[in-house]
Amino acid sequence: MSGAFLPGIMNDQLTVNGKVAIPMAEIQFLTSRSGGPGGQNVNKLETRVELIFEVDRSRALTSDQKARVHEHLQSRIDSDGRLHVVAQESRSQWQNKQSALDKLVTLLQKALKPKKKRIKTRATRESKEKRMQGKKRTGEKKKLRRVNVHEY
């Protein structure tokens, strides 16, 4: 597969972000007959594409990046450390390959995006007072529901 035909591929590498580019040699495509509509195509052409990317064996990812990918995409990764992406929307195998590559890039971008650390903040005086007023209102409501046994 030449890099000139598929967007996002430069010099036989799939660009994920500014720091990560996956060599196309690390990506494997399997084709099979697609289900659903498609007329006579369905019964004779293999248009369904399954992209397989071996996360554990990739040289493009660092060990931290591999761990992050495993954490975020564990439902798509099999026991051998292979990430599976399936595309069968189109009746064209080429379009499904492009779609699978796009999905892979999107999944990896989301998985490799660093989490923002939560900055601890203190509750304001106003928020504390508001909370206490709410608690007092709830207590008053419950007090009104009580039946005073001593009145009878």
Protein backbone atom coordinates (compact mmCIF):
# COMPACT_ATOMS: atom_id res chain seq x y z
CA MET A 1 0.00 0.00 0.00
CA SER A 2 1.56 3.25 -1.07
CA GLY A 3 1.48 6.32 1.16
CA ALA A 4 0.46 8.56 -1.76
CA PHE A 5 -3.10 7.19 -1.83
CA LEU A 6 -4.12 7.33 1.83
CA PRO A 7 -4.29 10.61 3.74
CA GLY A 8 -2.42 10.64 7.06
CA ILE A 9 0.26 8.30 5.72
CA MET A 10 3.67 9.76 5.00
CA ASN A 11 6.67 7.65 4.00
CA ASP A 12 4.75 4.45 4.79
CA GLN A 13 3.96 5.68 8.31
CA LEU A 14 0.57 6.42 9.84
CA THR A 15 0.75 9.70 11.75
CA VAL A 16 -1.16 9.55 15.05
CA ASN A 17 0.03 12.83 16.56
CA GLY A 18 3.13 15.03 16.58
CA LYS A 19 5.11 12.46 18.58
CA VAL A 20 3.78 9.11 17.32
CA ALA A 21 3.95 7.68 13.80
CA ILE A 22 3.25 3.99 13.27
CA PRO A 23 5.08 2.18 10.45
CA MET A 24 2.59 0.59 8.04
CA ALA A 25 4.60 -2.65 8.40
CA GLU A 26 3.19 -2.93 11.96
CA ILE A 27 -0.40 -2.84 10.67
CA GLN A 28 -2.04 -5.93 9.24
CA PHE A 29 -5.29 -6.07 7.26
CA LEU A 30 -7.62 -9.05 7.06
CA THR A 31 -10.55 -9.04 4.64
CA SER A 32 -13.75 -11.05 4.63
CA ARG A 33 -17.22 -10.92 3.16
CA SER A 34 -19.28 -8.14 4.63
CA GLY A 35 -22.81 -8.58 5.95
CA GLY A 36 -25.75 -6.32 5.24
CA PRO A 37 -26.87 -4.67 2.00
CA GLY A 38 -24.67 -4.59 -1.05
CA GLY A 39 -26.43 -6.58 -3.71
CA GLN A 40 -24.29 -9.10 -5.53
CA ASN A 41 -21.15 -7.60 -3.98
CA VAL A 42 -21.95 -9.24 -0.64
CA ASN A 43 -21.69 -12.78 -1.95
CA LYS A 44 -18.49 -12.47 -3.97
CA LEU A 45 -16.30 -9.59 -2.77
CA GLU A 46 -14.37 -9.34 0.47
CA THR A 47 -15.11 -5.76 1.49
CA ARG A 48 -15.11 -6.09 5.29
CA VAL A 49 -11.72 -5.02 6.66
CA GLU A 50 -10.25 -5.93 10.03
CA LEU A 51 -7.17 -3.95 10.99
CA ILE A 52 -4.82 -5.58 13.49
CA PHE A 53 -2.16 -3.57 15.31
CA GLU A 54 0.15 -5.39 17.72
CA VAL A 55 0.44 -2.90 20.56
CA ASP A 56 2.93 -4.94 22.61
CA ARG A 57 5.35 -5.44 19.69
CA SER A 58 5.16 -1.91 18.30
CA ARG A 59 8.41 0.01 18.17
CA ALA A 60 6.57 3.27 17.61
CA LEU A 61 5.16 3.36 21.15
CA THR A 62 7.04 3.72 24.43
CA SER A 63 6.24 1.39 27.33
CA ASP A 64 4.22 4.19 29.02
CA GLN A 65 2.22 4.76 25.84
CA LYS A 66 1.60 1.02 25.49
CA ALA A 67 0.32 0.89 29.08
CA ARG A 68 -1.99 3.86 28.43
CA VAL A 69 -3.33 2.23 25.24
CA HIS A 70 -3.96 -1.04 27.14
CA GLU A 71 -5.77 0.85 29.90
CA HIS A 72 -8.05 2.83 27.56
CA LEU A 73 -8.67 0.20 24.88
CA GLN A 74 -8.69 -3.04 26.89
CA SER A 75 -12.03 -4.16 25.39
CA ARG A 76 -10.56 -4.01 21.86
CA ILE A 77 -7.24 -5.68 22.69
CA ASP A 78 -7.05 -9.48 22.73
CA SER A 79 -4.94 -11.63 25.07
CA ASP A 80 -2.01 -11.51 22.63
CA GLY A 81 -1.85 -7.70 22.81
CA ARG A 82 -3.39 -7.07 19.38
CA LEU A 83 -5.73 -4.15 18.83
CA HIS A 84 -8.63 -4.99 16.50
CA VAL A 85 -10.48 -2.37 14.44
CA VAL A 86 -13.25 -3.40 12.03
CA ALA A 87 -14.73 -1.39 9.15
CA GLN A 88 -17.50 -2.63 6.90
CA GLU A 89 -19.63 0.46 6.28
CA SER A 90 -18.68 0.87 2.63
CA ARG A 91 -19.07 -1.47 -0.32
CA SER A 92 -15.47 -0.68 -1.26
CA GLN A 93 -12.56 -2.51 0.37
CA TRP A 94 -10.30 0.51 -0.17
CA GLN A 95 -12.74 2.84 1.60
CA ASN A 96 -13.09 0.38 4.47
CA LYS A 97 -9.28 0.22 4.81
CA GLN A 98 -9.18 4.01 4.99
CA SER A 99 -12.02 4.00 7.51
CA ALA A 100 -10.22 1.41 9.67
CA LEU A 101 -7.03 3.50 9.60
CA ASP A 102 -9.00 6.62 10.56
CA LYS A 103 -10.62 4.73 13.45
CA LEU A 104 -7.22 3.49 14.62
CA VAL A 105 -5.80 7.03 14.60
CA THR A 106 -8.82 8.37 16.53
CA LEU A 107 -8.64 5.57 19.12
CA LEU A 108 -4.90 6.02 19.66
CA GLN A 109 -5.20 9.82 19.88
CA LYS A 110 -7.83 9.50 22.61
CA ALA A 111 -5.85 6.84 24.47
CA LEU A 112 -2.56 8.76 24.31
CA LYS A 113 -4.05 12.11 25.34
CA PRO A 114 -2.68 12.85 28.82
CA LYS A 115 -5.21 13.15 31.63
CA LYS A 116 -5.54 16.54 33.23
CA LYS A 117 -4.68 16.46 36.91
CA ARG A 118 -7.39 17.68 39.22
CA ILE A 119 -6.47 20.80 41.12
CA LYS A 120 -7.74 20.63 44.69
CA THR A 121 -9.86 23.60 45.68
CA ARG A 122 -11.36 24.62 49.00
CA ALA A 123 -15.06 25.15 49.53
CA THR A 124 -15.96 28.82 49.81
CA ARG A 125 -17.65 30.25 52.90
CA GLU A 126 -20.77 30.95 50.84
CA SER A 127 -20.99 27.35 49.57
CA LYS A 128 -20.62 26.04 53.13
CA GLU A 129 -23.37 28.35 54.38
CA LYS A 130 -25.63 27.37 51.49
CA ARG A 131 -25.10 23.70 52.33
CA MET A 132 -25.91 24.30 56.01
CA GLN A 133 -29.11 26.23 55.09
CA GLY A 134 -30.20 23.31 52.91
CA LYS A 135 -29.59 20.88 55.78
CA LYS A 136 -31.59 23.09 58.16
CA ARG A 137 -34.50 23.28 55.68
CA THR A 138 -34.51 19.49 55.33
CA GLY A 139 -34.48 19.12 59.14
CA GLU A 140 -37.41 21.55 59.50
CA LYS A 141 -39.38 19.64 56.87
CA LYS A 142 -38.83 16.38 58.75
CA LYS A 143 -39.70 18.03 62.06
CA LEU A 144 -43.09 19.11 60.67
CA ARG A 145 -43.85 15.54 59.61
CA ARG A 146 -43.46 14.21 63.17
CA VAL A 147 -46.51 13.46 65.28
CA ASN A 148 -46.16 14.85 68.77
CA VAL A 149 -47.17 11.93 71.04
CA HIS A 150 -47.45 14.14 74.17
CA GLU A 151 -50.31 16.27 72.78
CA TYR A 152 -52.90 13.44 73.02
